[in-house]
Protein backbone atom coordinates (compact mmCIF):
# COMPACT_ATOMS: atom_id res chain seq x y z
CA MET A 1 -0.21 -0.18 -0.04
CA LYS A 2 2.75 2.58 0.69
CA LYS A 3 4.31 1.70 -2.38
CA MET A 4 1.41 2.48 -4.59
CA ILE A 5 1.07 5.93 -2.51
CA LYS A 6 4.79 6.79 -3.04
CA PHE A 7 4.26 5.78 -6.69
CA ALA A 8 1.08 8.09 -7.15
CA LEU A 9 2.86 11.13 -5.45
CA LEU A 10 5.84 10.46 -7.96
CA ALA A 11 3.02 10.12 -10.75
CA VAL A 12 1.55 13.74 -9.74
CA LEU A 13 5.05 15.45 -9.32
CA ALA A 14 6.08 14.20 -12.89
CA LEU A 15 2.64 15.89 -14.06
CA THR A 16 3.79 18.94 -12.53
CA LEU A 17 6.97 19.41 -13.69
CA ALA A 18 5.72 18.88 -17.29
CA VAL A 19 2.72 21.27 -16.80
CA SER A 20 5.19 23.91 -15.36
CA ALA A 21 7.74 23.16 -18.39
CA VAL A 22 4.68 23.73 -21.06
CA GLY A 23 3.71 26.96 -19.11
CA CYS A 24 7.32 28.26 -19.44
CA GLY A 25 7.41 27.39 -23.08
CA GLY A 26 4.35 29.43 -23.55
CA SER A 27 5.46 32.41 -22.05
CA GLN A 28 8.65 32.16 -24.60
CA SER A 29 6.23 31.95 -27.40
CA GLN A 30 4.59 35.28 -26.31
CA GLU A 31 7.75 37.13 -26.51
CA GLN A 32 7.43 40.40 -28.99
CA PRO A 33 9.16 39.53 -32.25
CA LYS A 34 12.29 41.13 -32.84
CA GLU A 35 12.75 44.23 -35.19
CA PRO A 36 14.20 43.38 -38.55
CA ALA A 37 17.70 45.23 -39.14
CA LYS A 38 17.32 48.51 -40.71
CA ALA A 39 18.49 48.61 -44.35
CA GLU A 40 21.53 50.54 -44.39
CA ALA A 41 21.35 54.16 -45.61
CA LYS A 42 21.92 55.13 -49.09
CA PRO A 43 25.62 57.23 -49.72
CA LYS A 44 24.42 60.71 -50.40
CA LEU A 45 25.26 62.16 -53.84
CA VAL A 46 25.26 66.03 -53.76
CA VAL A 47 24.56 67.54 -57.12
CA GLY A 48 24.31 71.12 -58.05
CA ALA A 49 22.21 72.63 -60.42
CA ASP A 50 21.05 75.99 -61.78
CA ALA A 51 17.39 75.65 -61.83
CA THR A 52 16.33 78.52 -64.21
CA PHE A 53 16.81 76.30 -67.79
CA ALA A 54 13.48 75.00 -68.58
CA PRO A 55 13.21 72.34 -69.64
CA PHE A 56 16.00 70.94 -68.23
CA GLU A 57 16.17 72.25 -64.79
CA PHE A 58 13.43 74.84 -63.60
CA THR A 59 10.99 75.38 -60.91
CA ASP A 60 7.49 73.61 -61.30
CA PRO A 61 5.31 77.20 -60.73
CA LYS A 62 2.23 74.88 -59.55
CA THR A 63 3.92 73.01 -57.17
CA GLY A 64 7.29 74.97 -56.38
CA LYS A 65 9.49 71.88 -56.83
CA TYR A 66 12.40 71.62 -59.06
CA VAL A 67 11.72 69.50 -62.20
CA GLY A 68 13.09 68.93 -65.56
CA PHE A 69 14.74 66.71 -67.87
CA ASP A 70 18.30 66.66 -66.29
CA ILE A 71 16.61 66.79 -62.79
CA GLU A 72 14.60 63.58 -63.56
CA LEU A 73 17.30 61.90 -65.19
CA MET A 74 20.06 62.72 -62.32
CA GLN A 75 17.37 61.33 -59.90
CA ALA A 76 17.44 57.96 -61.96
CA ILE A 77 21.21 57.76 -62.31
CA ALA A 78 21.44 57.98 -58.62
CA GLU A 79 19.06 55.36 -58.18
CA GLU A 80 20.65 52.91 -60.60
CA ALA A 81 24.10 53.55 -58.92
CA GLY A 82 23.20 53.32 -55.26
CA TYR A 83 23.02 57.18 -54.50
CA GLU A 84 20.42 59.14 -52.55
CA MET A 85 20.48 62.56 -54.58
CA ASP A 86 20.89 65.69 -52.73
CA LEU A 87 19.85 68.69 -54.96
CA GLN A 88 21.99 71.89 -54.34
CA VAL A 89 20.66 74.84 -56.43
CA MET A 90 23.12 77.57 -57.31
CA ALA A 91 23.87 79.98 -60.32
CA PHE A 92 25.31 78.33 -63.29
CA ASP A 93 28.56 80.33 -63.32
CA GLY A 94 29.35 78.85 -59.77
CA LEU A 95 28.72 75.10 -60.77
CA ILE A 96 32.38 74.75 -61.50
CA ALA A 97 34.08 76.48 -58.53
CA ALA A 98 31.79 74.16 -56.16
CA LEU A 99 33.02 71.39 -57.92
CA GLN A 100 36.54 72.51 -57.21
CA ALA A 101 36.44 73.14 -54.02
CA LYS A 102 34.41 69.68 -53.33
CA GLN A 103 31.51 71.43 -51.97
CA ILE A 104 29.16 69.19 -54.51
CA ASP A 105 29.81 66.01 -56.13
CA ALA A 106 28.30 66.40 -59.21
CA ALA A 107 26.92 68.86 -61.43
CA ILE A 108 24.21 68.38 -64.29
CA SER A 109 23.11 71.62 -65.66
CA ALA A 110 22.73 71.62 -69.13
CA MET A 111 26.70 72.18 -69.05
CA THR A 112 28.69 71.58 -72.67
CA ILE A 113 31.43 69.56 -72.55
CA THR A 114 34.30 71.96 -73.66
CA PRO A 115 38.41 71.64 -73.67
CA GLU A 116 38.60 74.71 -71.50
CA ARG A 117 35.93 72.91 -68.71
CA ALA A 118 37.82 69.53 -69.26
CA LYS A 119 41.08 71.05 -67.80
CA VAL A 120 39.54 71.44 -64.43
CA VAL A 121 36.44 69.01 -64.14
CA ASP A 122 35.95 65.71 -65.44
CA PHE A 123 32.57 64.48 -67.43
CA SER A 124 30.52 61.93 -67.96
CA GLU A 125 29.73 60.50 -71.15
CA PRO A 126 27.87 62.84 -73.06
CA TYR A 127 23.90 62.83 -72.46
CA TYR A 128 22.61 65.09 -74.59
CA LYS A 129 22.89 66.85 -78.22
CA SER A 130 22.51 70.31 -78.63
CA GLY A 131 23.88 73.55 -80.27
CA LEU A 132 23.24 77.27 -80.27
CA ILE A 133 20.60 79.49 -81.54
CA VAL A 134 20.02 83.12 -82.18
CA ALA A 135 16.80 84.65 -80.69
CA VAL A 136 15.07 88.06 -82.00
CA GLN A 137 12.11 89.69 -81.59
CA ALA A 138 9.42 88.41 -83.88
CA LYS A 139 8.95 91.52 -85.68
CA ASN A 140 12.60 92.05 -86.21
CA ASN A 141 13.67 91.44 -89.93
CA ASP A 142 17.18 92.31 -90.28
CA ILE A 143 19.09 89.99 -88.33
CA LYS A 144 18.61 86.46 -90.17
CA SER A 145 21.96 84.55 -89.14
CA PHE A 146 24.83 84.54 -86.72
CA GLU A 147 26.80 86.82 -88.91
CA ASP A 148 24.22 89.76 -88.77
CA LEU A 149 24.91 90.08 -84.77
CA LYS A 150 27.99 92.29 -85.31
CA GLY A 151 27.78 95.49 -83.66
CA LYS A 152 24.16 94.43 -82.20
CA LYS A 153 23.36 94.36 -78.65
CA ILE A 154 23.11 90.63 -77.28
CA ALA A 155 21.97 89.19 -74.04
CA VAL A 156 23.50 86.12 -72.85
CA GLN A 157 23.91 83.93 -69.51
CA SER A 158 27.07 84.33 -67.75
CA GLY A 159 29.43 81.28 -68.05
CA THR A 160 27.91 79.88 -71.12
CA THR A 161 29.31 78.99 -74.51
CA GLY A 162 26.56 81.43 -75.88
CA ALA A 163 28.38 83.80 -73.92
CA MET A 164 31.70 82.73 -75.61
CA HIS A 165 30.16 82.78 -78.76
CA ALA A 166 28.78 86.45 -78.47
CA GLU A 167 31.97 87.57 -77.37
CA LYS A 168 33.44 86.66 -81.21
CA ILE A 169 30.84 88.48 -83.00
CA THR A 170 30.59 91.65 -81.20
CA ASP A 171 32.35 94.05 -78.63
CA LYS A 172 32.08 93.10 -74.87
CA ASP A 173 30.52 96.21 -73.92
CA LYS A 174 27.42 95.47 -76.42
CA ILE A 175 27.00 92.43 -74.25
CA THR A 176 24.78 92.13 -71.42
CA TYR A 177 25.46 89.39 -69.14
CA PHE A 178 22.60 87.64 -66.99
CA THR A 179 22.89 84.86 -64.30
CA ASN A 180 20.15 82.98 -66.32
CA SER A 181 18.48 82.47 -69.79
CA ASP A 182 14.94 83.65 -68.77
CA GLN A 183 16.46 87.14 -67.75
CA ALA A 184 18.08 87.13 -70.91
CA LEU A 185 15.12 85.99 -72.83
CA LEU A 186 12.83 88.71 -70.94
CA GLU A 187 15.39 91.66 -71.96
CA LEU A 188 14.95 90.74 -75.32
CA LYS A 189 11.11 90.79 -75.22
CA ASN A 190 11.23 94.57 -73.38
CA GLY A 191 13.55 95.61 -76.76
CA GLY A 192 16.85 95.95 -74.20
CA VAL A 193 19.01 94.12 -76.74
CA ASP A 194 18.74 92.84 -80.02
CA ALA A 195 19.17 89.37 -79.65
CA VAL A 196 20.33 86.24 -77.49
CA VAL A 197 22.70 83.80 -78.23
CA ASN A 198 21.45 80.38 -76.25
CA ASP A 199 21.02 76.80 -76.56
CA TYR A 200 18.15 75.83 -78.95
CA PRO A 201 16.34 73.87 -76.72
CA VAL A 202 15.87 76.31 -73.75
CA SER A 203 15.19 79.09 -76.18
CA ALA A 204 12.63 76.84 -78.20
CA TYR A 205 10.85 75.99 -74.85
CA PHE A 206 10.61 79.61 -73.87
CA ILE A 207 8.62 80.28 -76.99
CA GLN A 208 6.69 77.02 -76.66
CA GLN A 209 5.19 78.70 -73.45
CA GLY A 210 3.18 81.56 -75.14
CA ASN A 211 6.40 83.98 -76.02
CA ASN A 212 5.34 83.98 -79.72
CA ASP A 213 6.64 87.74 -79.85
CA VAL A 214 10.05 85.93 -80.09
CA LYS A 215 11.60 83.62 -82.90
CA LEU A 216 14.58 81.79 -83.73
CA VAL A 217 16.85 82.62 -86.74
CA GLY A 218 19.74 81.20 -88.68
CA GLU A 219 21.18 77.74 -88.25
CA ILE A 220 21.99 76.00 -84.86
CA LEU A 221 25.42 77.46 -84.43
CA SER A 222 27.39 74.07 -83.32
CA ALA A 223 26.99 71.00 -82.27
CA GLU A 224 27.56 70.31 -78.67
CA GLU A 225 27.05 67.83 -76.00
CA TYR A 226 26.17 68.09 -72.48
CA GLY A 227 27.84 66.14 -69.59
CA ILE A 228 27.58 65.43 -65.95
CA ALA A 229 30.53 66.98 -64.35
CA ILE A 230 32.69 65.69 -61.54
CA PRO A 231 35.49 66.75 -59.55
CA LYS A 232 38.93 65.88 -60.99
CA GLY A 233 40.05 62.74 -59.04
CA LYS A 234 36.57 61.56 -58.22
CA THR A 235 37.11 58.59 -60.43
CA GLU A 236 34.77 55.96 -58.25
CA THR A 237 31.91 58.71 -58.84
CA LEU A 238 32.74 59.13 -62.22
CA GLU A 239 32.64 55.60 -63.22
CA LYS A 240 29.34 54.68 -61.28
CA ILE A 241 27.72 57.51 -62.99
CA ASN A 242 28.66 56.36 -66.44
CA ALA A 243 27.66 52.91 -65.89
CA ALA A 244 24.22 54.04 -64.37
CA LEU A 245 23.77 56.38 -67.68
CA LYS A 246 24.67 53.21 -69.64
CA LYS A 247 22.27 51.14 -68.04
CA LEU A 248 19.30 53.86 -68.24
CA LYS A 249 19.97 53.84 -72.09
CA GLU A 250 19.93 50.19 -72.23
CA ASN A 251 17.02 49.35 -70.35
CA GLY A 252 14.70 52.34 -72.00
CA LYS A 253 14.41 54.82 -68.95
CA TYR A 254 16.44 57.27 -70.61
CA ALA A 255 14.24 57.33 -73.68
CA GLU A 256 11.14 57.35 -71.56
CA ILE A 257 12.38 60.71 -69.64
CA TYR A 258 13.31 62.17 -72.87
CA GLN A 259 10.13 61.72 -74.57
CA LYS A 260 8.78 63.03 -71.80
CA TRP A 261 10.39 66.15 -71.61
CA PHE A 262 11.19 66.69 -75.71
CA GLY A 263 8.06 65.25 -76.95
CA GLU A 264 10.45 63.13 -79.49
CA GLN A 265 12.86 60.06 -79.09
CA PRO A 266 16.73 60.35 -78.58
CA LYS A 267 18.49 61.68 -81.33
């Protein structure tokens, strides 16, 4: 009889320990799941641009945001290259100085690749083919070509190839320099100058926005190619940007952005 009682007590003790063990396991299963590890932040790419050069970069009057072909393309390049883009807006003639001072990592602002600029900054592969054109008031029938600008008053944007060409055809005291192209074209509209020498797509876009009192004359002056400027020596950044640009051209994203802003396929 004593043996049976002892056996029963052992059985109860064993059952109690088993239930206790199950209870402990249950409390562990109720623990809060651990938060998933956060993705590492992307390295920042500080990009400079002059947002007064529609349709390449400008301020959307409805939203106040910076938009344009260059802005959208650079955003796509940054994403493809694994960067987070930080856009810094500044005057065009200050972009190269900012690159040299390492204040920005890149500049995209319809900047023509020239031998002079290539001495102080590096350029990506070309991303847009352009050229210069002469704009005059629609009622002007005297100026029909670049050669007709001799002795005329010309408005240009400082630091541009348009300014360089104007200096070749007329005296410097007859040239009015502006910090952006819209100011130069408005000076023409107001009759302050006889002509504007500027990038063809920018002047054409200005007219398309309802400025029918301005017209383009003559042939496109020069074949130019735009590039993304990088500080000298930043080889890794340059290689990543070139690789991303190539990828976007291959997968159709570049053509999609181009079509959106220019209404045609890339040339």
